Amino acid sequence: MAKHFRFFGLALLISLLGVVLAACGSDEEAADNGGTNATPTAEQGLQVGDAAPAFTLPATDGSQVSLADYVGQRPVLLYFHMAVG
């Protein structure tokens, strides 16, 4: 019976190690998958106080939502960042 528990424990440990190693991808994989490891240049960014550029994005219902649709309304920006640690 103790052999079965030892085997099960070893199998569980190896499985967990595999999951942890798979979750720790390299920077190359992040860049290939659209990661944001790039350093912005002065030409790309906005300065503090600059107006936001016009943009249009797809909504969850398939329609298009534009920044211009919200001119004159109070803005709310939600930003989520999933970090390790």
PDB file of N, CA and C in Angstrom:
ATOM      1  N   MET A   1       0.819  -1.184   0.000  1.00  0.00           N
ATOM      2  CA  MET A   1       0.000   0.000   0.000  1.00  0.00           C
ATOM      3  C   MET A   1       0.872   1.260   0.000  1.00  0.00           C
ATOM      4  N   ALA A   2       1.966   1.246   0.761  1.00  0.00           N
ATOM      5  CA  ALA A   2       2.856   2.403   0.823  1.00  0.00           C
ATOM      6  C   ALA A   2       3.495   2.672  -0.534  1.00  0.00           C
ATOM      7  N   LYS A   3       3.737   1.613  -1.329  1.00  0.00           N
ATOM      8  CA  LYS A   3       4.309   1.793  -2.661  1.00  0.00           C
ATOM      9  C   LYS A   3       3.353   2.582  -3.554  1.00  0.00           C
ATOM     10  N   HIS A   4       2.054   2.307  -3.415  1.00  0.00           N
ATOM     11  CA  HIS A   4       1.067   3.006  -4.235  1.00  0.00           C
ATOM     12  C   HIS A   4       1.037   4.499  -3.895  1.00  0.00           C
ATOM     13  N   PHE A   5       1.097   4.823  -2.605  1.00  0.00           N
ATOM     14  CA  PHE A   5       1.109   6.231  -2.202  1.00  0.00           C
ATOM     15  C   PHE A   5       2.386   6.918  -2.671  1.00  0.00           C
ATOM     16  N   ARG A   6       3.496   6.237  -2.592  1.00  0.00           N
ATOM     17  CA  ARG A   6       4.764   6.802  -3.029  1.00  0.00           C
ATOM     18  C   ARG A   6       4.732   7.052  -4.541  1.00  0.00           C
ATOM     19  N   PHE A   7       4.202   6.094  -5.299  1.00  0.00           N
ATOM     20  CA  PHE A   7       4.089   6.246  -6.752  1.00  0.00           C
ATOM     21  C   PHE A   7       3.143   7.396  -7.095  1.00  0.00           C
ATOM     22  N   PHE A   8       2.004   7.465  -6.419  1.00  0.00           N
ATOM     23  CA  PHE A   8       1.035   8.530  -6.662  1.00  0.00           C
ATOM     24  C   PHE A   8       1.637   9.897  -6.324  1.00  0.00           C
ATOM     25  N   GLY A   9       2.359   9.982  -5.221  1.00  0.00           N
ATOM     26  CA  GLY A   9       3.001  11.236  -4.827  1.00  0.00           C
ATOM     27  C   GLY A   9       4.041  11.677  -5.834  1.00  0.00           C
ATOM     28  N   LEU A  10       4.835  10.731  -6.333  1.00  0.00           N
ATOM     29  CA  LEU A  10       5.851  11.055  -7.333  1.00  0.00           C
ATOM     30  C   LEU A  10       5.195  11.513  -8.634  1.00  0.00           C
ATOM     31  N   ALA A  11       4.140  10.834  -9.046  1.00  0.00           N
ATOM     32  CA  ALA A  11       3.429  11.226 -10.268  1.00  0.00           C
ATOM     33  C   ALA A  11       2.821  12.614 -10.120  1.00  0.00           C
ATOM     34  N   LEU A  12       2.270  12.906  -8.955  1.00  0.00           N
ATOM     35  CA  LEU A  12       1.689  14.221  -8.702  1.00  0.00           C
ATOM     36  C   LEU A  12       2.769  15.299  -8.718  1.00  0.00           C
ATOM     37  N   LEU A  13       3.900  15.032  -8.117  1.00  0.00           N
ATOM     38  CA  LEU A  13       5.002  15.988  -8.090  1.00  0.00           C
ATOM     39  C   LEU A  13       5.515  16.280  -9.496  1.00  0.00           C
ATOM     40  N   ILE A  14       5.675  15.264 -10.302  1.00  0.00           N
ATOM     41  CA  ILE A  14       6.145  15.448 -11.678  1.00  0.00           C
ATOM     42  C   ILE A  14       5.122  16.234 -12.486  1.00  0.00           C
ATOM     43  N   SER A  15       3.847  15.951 -12.287  1.00  0.00           N
ATOM     44  CA  SER A  15       2.793  16.685 -12.998  1.00  0.00           C
ATOM     45  C   SER A  15       2.798  18.160 -12.619  1.00  0.00           C
ATOM     46  N   LEU A  16       2.904  18.446 -11.336  1.00  0.00           N
ATOM     47  CA  LEU A  16       2.932  19.836 -10.885  1.00  0.00           C
ATOM     48  C   LEU A  16       4.161  20.566 -11.410  1.00  0.00           C
ATOM     49  N   LEU A  17       5.288  19.894 -11.430  1.00  0.00           N
ATOM     50  CA  LEU A  17       6.505  20.490 -11.964  1.00  0.00           C
ATOM     51  C   LEU A  17       6.329  20.822 -13.447  1.00  0.00           C
ATOM     52  N   GLY A  18       5.693  19.927 -14.189  1.00  0.00           N
ATOM     53  CA  GLY A  18       5.428  20.180 -15.606  1.00  0.00           C
ATOM     54  C   GLY A  18       4.520  21.376 -15.820  1.00  0.00           C
ATOM     55  N   VAL A  19       3.497  21.516 -14.987  1.00  0.00           N
ATOM     56  CA  VAL A  19       2.584  22.658 -15.097  1.00  0.00           C
ATOM     57  C   VAL A  19       3.312  23.959 -14.790  1.00  0.00           C
ATOM     58  N   VAL A  20       4.127  23.962 -13.751  1.00  0.00           N
ATOM     59  CA  VAL A  20       4.871  25.170 -13.382  1.00  0.00           C
ATOM     60  C   VAL A  20       5.838  25.557 -14.492  1.00  0.00           C
ATOM     61  N   LEU A  21       6.546  24.603 -15.046  1.00  0.00           N
ATOM     62  CA  LEU A  21       7.498  24.909 -16.114  1.00  0.00           C
ATOM     63  C   LEU A  21       6.792  25.376 -17.378  1.00  0.00           C
ATOM     64  N   ALA A  22       5.634  24.828 -17.675  1.00  0.00           N
ATOM     65  CA  ALA A  22       4.879  25.255 -18.852  1.00  0.00           C
ATOM     66  C   ALA A  22       4.354  26.675 -18.681  1.00  0.00           C
ATOM     67  N   ALA A  23       4.039  27.056 -17.458  1.00  0.00           N
ATOM     68  CA  ALA A  23       3.511  28.399 -17.199  1.00  0.00           C
ATOM     69  C   ALA A  23       4.602  29.456 -17.261  1.00  0.00           C
ATOM     70  N   CYS A  24       5.840  29.065 -17.108  1.00  0.00           N
ATOM     71  CA  CYS A  24       6.964  30.010 -17.133  1.00  0.00           C
ATOM     72  C   CYS A  24       7.538  30.051 -18.535  1.00  0.00           C
ATOM     73  N   GLY A  25       6.901  30.799 -19.442  1.00  0.00           N
ATOM     74  CA  GLY A  25       7.372  30.906 -20.814  1.00  0.00           C
ATOM     75  C   GLY A  25       8.526  31.884 -20.912  1.00  0.00           C
ATOM     76  N   SER A  26       9.238  31.826 -22.015  1.00  0.00           N
ATOM     77  CA  SER A  26      10.360  32.739 -22.225  1.00  0.00           C
ATOM     78  C   SER A  26       9.865  34.064 -22.792  1.00  0.00           C
ATOM     79  N   ASP A  27      10.747  35.060 -22.823  1.00  0.00           N
ATOM     80  CA  ASP A  27      10.395  36.358 -23.393  1.00  0.00           C
ATOM     81  C   ASP A  27      10.135  36.249 -24.888  1.00  0.00           C
ATOM     82  N   GLU A  28      10.824  35.332 -25.564  1.00  0.00           N
ATOM     83  CA  GLU A  28      10.606  35.147 -26.994  1.00  0.00           C
ATOM     84  C   GLU A  28       9.186  34.686 -27.254  1.00  0.00           C
ATOM     85  N   GLU A  29       8.683  33.772 -26.449  1.00  0.00           N
ATOM     86  CA  GLU A  29       7.316  33.298 -26.620  1.00  0.00           C
ATOM     87  C   GLU A  29       6.334  34.427 -26.384  1.00  0.00           C
ATOM     88  N   ALA A  30       6.587  35.273 -25.412  1.00  0.00           N
ATOM     89  CA  ALA A  30       5.692  36.398 -25.134  1.00  0.00           C
ATOM     90  C   ALA A  30       5.676  37.359 -26.311  1.00  0.00           C
ATOM     91  N   ALA A  31       6.840  37.610 -26.908  1.00  0.00           N
ATOM     92  CA  ALA A  31       6.903  38.511 -28.053  1.00  0.00           C
ATOM     93  C   ALA A  31       6.200  37.899 -29.257  1.00  0.00           C
ATOM     94  N   ASP A  32       6.350  36.596 -29.456  1.00  0.00           N
ATOM     95  CA  ASP A  32       5.696  35.927 -30.567  1.00  0.00           C
ATOM     96  C   ASP A  32       4.189  35.910 -30.400  1.00  0.00           C
ATOM     97  N   ASN A  33       3.717  35.896 -29.173  1.00  0.00           N
ATOM     98  CA  ASN A  33       2.286  35.827 -28.907  1.00  0.00           C
ATOM     99  C   ASN A  33       1.679  37.201 -28.674  1.00  0.00           C
ATOM    100  N   GLY A  34       2.315  38.244 -29.140  1.00  0.00           N
ATOM    101  CA  GLY A  34       1.770  39.585 -28.982  1.00  0.00           C
ATOM    102  C   GLY A  34       2.061  40.197 -27.634  1.00  0.00           C
ATOM    103  N   GLY A  35       3.111  39.739 -26.973  1.00  0.00           N
ATOM    104  CA  GLY A  35       3.476  40.280 -25.672  1.00  0.00           C
ATOM    105  C   GLY A  35       3.901  41.733 -25.787  1.00  0.00           C
ATOM    106  N   THR A  36       3.969  42.400 -24.679  1.00  0.00           N
ATOM    107  CA  THR A  36       4.309  43.819 -24.689  1.00  0.00           C
ATOM    108  C   THR A  36       5.684  44.047 -24.085  1.00  0.00           C
ATOM    109  N   ASN A  37       6.676  43.333 -24.583  1.00  0.00           N
ATOM    110  CA  ASN A  37       8.035  43.488 -24.085  1.00  0.00           C
ATOM    111  C   ASN A  37       8.804  44.556 -24.848  1.00  0.00           C
ATOM    112  N   ALA A  38       8.158  45.247 -25.798  1.00  0.00           N
ATOM    113  CA  ALA A  38       8.838  46.257 -26.596  1.00  0.00           C
ATOM    114  C   ALA A  38       8.988  47.543 -25.795  1.00  0.00           C
ATOM    115  N   THR A  39      10.068  48.245 -26.047  1.00  0.00           N
ATOM    116  CA  THR A  39      10.294  49.532 -25.399  1.00  0.00           C
ATOM    117  C   THR A  39       9.746  50.624 -26.312  1.00  0.00           C
ATOM    118  N   PRO A  40       8.817  51.449 -25.826  1.00  0.00           N
ATOM    119  CA  PRO A  40       8.258  52.493 -26.695  1.00  0.00           C
ATOM    120  C   PRO A  40       9.294  53.571 -26.989  1.00  0.00           C
ATOM    121  N   THR A  41       9.203  54.121 -28.175  1.00  0.00           N
ATOM    122  CA  THR A  41      10.096  55.210 -28.548  1.00  0.00           C
ATOM    123  C   THR A  41       9.352  56.528 -28.388  1.00  0.00           C
ATOM    124  N   ALA A  42      10.078  57.619 -28.513  1.00  0.00           N
ATOM    125  CA  ALA A  42       9.472  58.939 -28.345  1.00  0.00           C
ATOM    126  C   ALA A  42       8.403  59.196 -29.404  1.00  0.00           C
ATOM    127  N   GLU A  43       8.556  58.624 -30.602  1.00  0.00           N
ATOM    128  CA  GLU A  43       7.589  58.852 -31.671  1.00  0.00           C
ATOM    129  C   GLU A  43       6.257  58.152 -31.388  1.00  0.00           C
ATOM    130  N   GLN A  44       6.270  57.073 -30.610  1.00  0.00           N
ATOM    131  CA  GLN A  44       5.067  56.292 -30.388  1.00  0.00           C
ATOM    132  C   GLN A  44       4.183  56.857 -29.290  1.00  0.00           C
ATOM    133  N   GLY A  45       4.754  57.333 -28.231  1.00  0.00           N
ATOM    134  CA  GLY A  45       3.985  57.671 -27.047  1.00  0.00           C
ATOM    135  C   GLY A  45       3.411  59.075 -27.062  1.00  0.00           C
ATOM    136  N   LEU A  46       2.482  59.281 -26.144  1.00  0.00           N
ATOM    137  CA  LEU A  46       1.895  60.599 -25.920  1.00  0.00           C
ATOM    138  C   LEU A  46       2.530  61.207 -24.684  1.00  0.00           C
ATOM    139  N   GLN A  47       2.509  62.496 -24.622  1.00  0.00           N
ATOM    140  CA  GLN A  47       2.996  63.196 -23.443  1.00  0.00           C
ATOM    141  C   GLN A  47       1.841  63.379 -22.470  1.00  0.00           C
ATOM    142  N   VAL A  48       2.165  63.571 -21.216  1.00  0.00           N
ATOM    143  CA  VAL A  48       1.148  63.810 -20.204  1.00  0.00           C
ATOM    144  C   VAL A  48       0.357  65.049 -20.589  1.00  0.00           C
ATOM    145  N   GLY A  49      -0.957  64.937 -20.601  1.00  0.00           N
ATOM    146  CA  GLY A  49      -1.826  66.055 -20.954  1.00  0.00           C
ATOM    147  C   GLY A  49      -2.263  66.069 -22.402  1.00  0.00           C
ATOM    148  N   ASP A  50      -1.645  65.233 -23.268  1.00  0.00           N
ATOM    149  CA  ASP A  50      -2.062  65.165 -24.668  1.00  0.00           C
ATOM    150  C   ASP A  50      -3.444  64.541 -24.773  1.00  0.00           C
ATOM    151  N   ALA A  51      -4.186  64.954 -25.792  1.00  0.00           N
ATOM    152  CA  ALA A  51      -5.502  64.361 -26.050  1.00  0.00           C
ATOM    153  C   ALA A  51      -5.315  62.948 -26.592  1.00  0.00           C
ATOM    154  N   ALA A  52      -6.242  62.082 -26.257  1.00  0.00           N
ATOM    155  CA  ALA A  52      -6.181  60.700 -26.743  1.00  0.00           C
ATOM    156  C   ALA A  52      -6.449  60.681 -28.245  1.00  0.00           C
ATOM    157  N   PRO A  53      -5.733  59.854 -29.001  1.00  0.00           N
ATOM    158  CA  PRO A  53      -5.982  59.773 -30.437  1.00  0.00           C
ATOM    159  C   PRO A  53      -7.319  59.082 -30.711  1.00  0.00           C
ATOM    160  N   ALA A  54      -7.897  59.388 -31.853  1.00  0.00           N
ATOM    161  CA  ALA A  54      -9.166  58.759 -32.237  1.00  0.00           C
ATOM    162  C   ALA A  54      -8.923  57.281 -32.530  1.00  0.00           C
ATOM    163  N   PHE A  55      -9.829  56.439 -32.049  1.00  0.00           N
ATOM    164  CA  PHE A  55      -9.728  55.009 -32.336  1.00  0.00           C
ATOM    165  C   PHE A  55     -11.114  54.385 -32.299  1.00  0.00           C
ATOM    166  N   THR A  56     -11.245  53.250 -32.968  1.00  0.00           N
ATOM    167  CA  THR A  56     -12.486  52.481 -32.998  1.00  0.00           C
ATOM    168  C   THR A  56     -12.142  51.036 -32.702  1.00  0.00           C
ATOM    169  N   LEU A  57     -12.922  50.419 -31.816  1.00  0.00           N
ATOM    170  CA  LEU A  57     -12.694  49.033 -31.418  1.00  0.00           C
ATOM    171  C   LEU A  57     -13.991  48.245 -31.524  1.00  0.00           C
ATOM    172  N   PRO A  58     -13.892  46.925 -31.724  1.00  0.00           N
ATOM    173  CA  PRO A  58     -15.114  46.115 -31.759  1.00  0.00           C
ATOM    174  C   PRO A  58     -15.665  45.897 -30.351  1.00  0.00           C
ATOM    175  N   ALA A  59     -16.981  45.982 -30.221  1.00  0.00           N
ATOM    176  CA  ALA A  59     -17.655  45.711 -28.951  1.00  0.00           C
ATOM    177  C   ALA A  59     -17.963  44.224 -28.853  1.00  0.00           C
ATOM    178  N   THR A  60     -18.407  43.789 -27.696  1.00  0.00           N
ATOM    179  CA  THR A  60     -18.704  42.366 -27.501  1.00  0.00           C
ATOM    180  C   THR A  60     -19.883  41.899 -28.334  1.00  0.00           C
ATOM    181  N   ASP A  61     -20.763  42.816 -28.737  1.00  0.00           N
ATOM    182  CA  ASP A  61     -21.912  42.424 -29.557  1.00  0.00           C
ATOM    183  C   ASP A  61     -21.617  42.508 -31.052  1.00  0.00           C
ATOM    184  N   GLY A  62     -20.388  42.846 -31.424  1.00  0.00           N
ATOM    185  CA  GLY A  62     -19.993  42.894 -32.824  1.00  0.00           C
ATOM    186  C   GLY A  62     -20.038  44.286 -33.427  1.00  0.00           C
ATOM    187  N   SER A  63     -20.672  45.241 -32.762  1.00  0.00           N
ATOM    188  CA  SER A  63     -20.721  46.607 -33.277  1.00  0.00           C
ATOM    189  C   SER A  63     -19.375  47.292 -33.035  1.00  0.00           C
ATOM    190  N   GLN A  64     -19.223  48.459 -33.621  1.00  0.00           N
ATOM    191  CA  GLN A  64     -17.990  49.226 -33.463  1.00  0.00           C
ATOM    192  C   GLN A  64     -18.210  50.347 -32.447  1.00  0.00           C
ATOM    193  N   VAL A  65     -17.259  50.549 -31.568  1.00  0.00           N
ATOM    194  CA  VAL A  65     -17.320  51.611 -30.565  1.00  0.00           C
ATOM    195  C   VAL A  65     -16.143  52.542 -30.817  1.00  0.00           C
ATOM    196  N   SER A  66     -16.442  53.818 -30.909  1.00  0.00           N
ATOM    197  CA  SER A  66     -15.424  54.819 -31.192  1.00  0.00           C
ATOM    198  C   SER A  66     -15.241  55.727 -29.991  1.00  0.00           C
ATOM    199  N   LEU A  67     -14.057  56.264 -29.842  1.00  0.00           N
ATOM    200  CA  LEU A  67     -13.800  57.223 -28.778  1.00  0.00           C
ATOM    201  C   LEU A  67     -14.672  58.461 -28.962  1.00  0.00           C
ATOM    202  N   ALA A  68     -14.945  58.823 -30.209  1.00  0.00           N
ATOM    203  CA  ALA A  68     -15.775  59.996 -30.494  1.00  0.00           C
ATOM    204  C   ALA A  68     -17.200  59.827 -29.965  1.00  0.00           C
ATOM    205  N   ASP A  69     -17.655  58.593 -29.768  1.00  0.00           N
ATOM    206  CA  ASP A  69     -18.997  58.349 -29.223  1.00  0.00           C
ATOM    207  C   ASP A  69     -19.127  58.861 -27.794  1.00  0.00           C
ATOM    208  N   TYR A  70     -18.016  59.067 -27.121  1.00  0.00           N
ATOM    209  CA  TYR A  70     -18.039  59.428 -25.706  1.00  0.00           C
ATOM    210  C   TYR A  70     -17.536  60.844 -25.437  1.00  0.00           C
ATOM    211  N   VAL A  71     -17.467  61.679 -26.465  1.00  0.00           N
ATOM    212  CA  VAL A  71     -17.029  63.065 -26.282  1.00  0.00           C
ATOM    213  C   VAL A  71     -18.028  63.783 -25.384  1.00  0.00           C
ATOM    214  N   GLY A  72     -17.520  64.473 -24.379  1.00  0.00           N
ATOM    215  CA  GLY A  72     -18.362  65.222 -23.459  1.00  0.00           C
ATOM    216  C   GLY A  72     -18.820  64.433 -22.248  1.00  0.00           C
ATOM    217  N   GLN A  73     -18.577  63.131 -22.232  1.00  0.00           N
ATOM    218  CA  GLN A  73     -18.956  62.316 -21.084  1.00  0.00           C
ATOM    219  C   GLN A  73     -17.744  62.126 -20.184  1.00  0.00           C
ATOM    220  N   ARG A  74     -18.001  61.783 -18.946  1.00  0.00           N
ATOM    221  CA  ARG A  74     -16.899  61.551 -18.006  1.00  0.00           C
ATOM    222  C   ARG A  74     -16.285  60.184 -18.292  1.00  0.00           C
ATOM    223  N   PRO A  75     -14.979  60.126 -18.498  1.00  0.00           N
ATOM    224  CA  PRO A  75     -14.334  58.849 -18.844  1.00  0.00           C
ATOM    225  C   PRO A  75     -14.082  57.962 -17.626  1.00  0.00           C
ATOM    226  N   VAL A  76     -14.128  56.669 -17.870  1.00  0.00           N
ATOM    227  CA  VAL A  76     -13.734  55.669 -16.878  1.00  0.00           C
ATOM    228  C   VAL A  76     -12.799  54.709 -17.601  1.00  0.00           C
ATOM    229  N   LEU A  77     -11.619  54.528 -17.065  1.00  0.00           N
ATOM    230  CA  LEU A  77     -10.643  53.630 -17.665  1.00  0.00           C
ATOM    231  C   LEU A  77     -10.361  52.502 -16.691  1.00  0.00           C
ATOM    232  N   LEU A  78     -10.621  51.274 -17.129  1.00  0.00           N
ATOM    233  CA  LEU A  78     -10.301  50.100 -16.326  1.00  0.00           C
ATOM    234  C   LEU A  78      -9.107  49.423 -16.974  1.00  0.00           C
ATOM    235  N   TYR A  79      -8.089  49.184 -16.187  1.00  0.00           N
ATOM    236  CA  TYR A  79      -6.869  48.562 -16.686  1.00  0.00           C
ATOM    237  C   TYR A  79      -6.534  47.389 -15.786  1.00  0.00           C
ATOM    238  N   PHE A  80      -6.403  46.219 -16.379  1.00  0.00           N
ATOM    239  CA  PHE A  80      -6.067  45.020 -15.628  1.00  0.00           C
ATOM    240  C   PHE A  80      -4.732  44.498 -16.127  1.00  0.00           C
ATOM    241  N   HIS A  81      -3.881  44.102 -15.200  1.00  0.00           N
ATOM    242  CA  HIS A  81      -2.580  43.547 -15.549  1.00  0.00           C
ATOM    243  C   HIS A  81      -2.363  42.297 -14.721  1.00  0.00           C
ATOM    244  N   MET A  82      -2.229  41.171 -15.397  1.00  0.00           N
ATOM    245  CA  MET A  82      -1.973  39.923 -14.683  1.00  0.00           C
ATOM    246  C   MET A  82      -0.468  39.752 -14.573  1.00  0.00           C
ATOM    247  N   ALA A  83       0.024  39.812 -13.372  1.00  0.00           N
ATOM    248  CA  ALA A  83       1.457  39.703 -13.143  1.00  0.00           C
ATOM    249  C   ALA A  83       1.749  38.461 -12.310  1.00  0.00           C
ATOM    250  N   VAL A  84       2.903  37.913 -12.532  1.00  0.00           N
ATOM    251  CA  VAL A  84       3.338  36.760 -11.750  1.00  0.00           C
ATOM    252  C   VAL A  84       3.877  37.276 -10.428  1.00  0.00           C
ATOM    253  N   GLY A  85       3.449  36.669  -9.360  1.00  0.00           N
ATOM    254  CA  GLY A  85       4.012  37.060  -8.087  1.00  0.00           C
ATOM    255  C   GLY A  85       2.974  37.470  -7.152  1.00  0.00           C
TER     256      GLY A  85
END
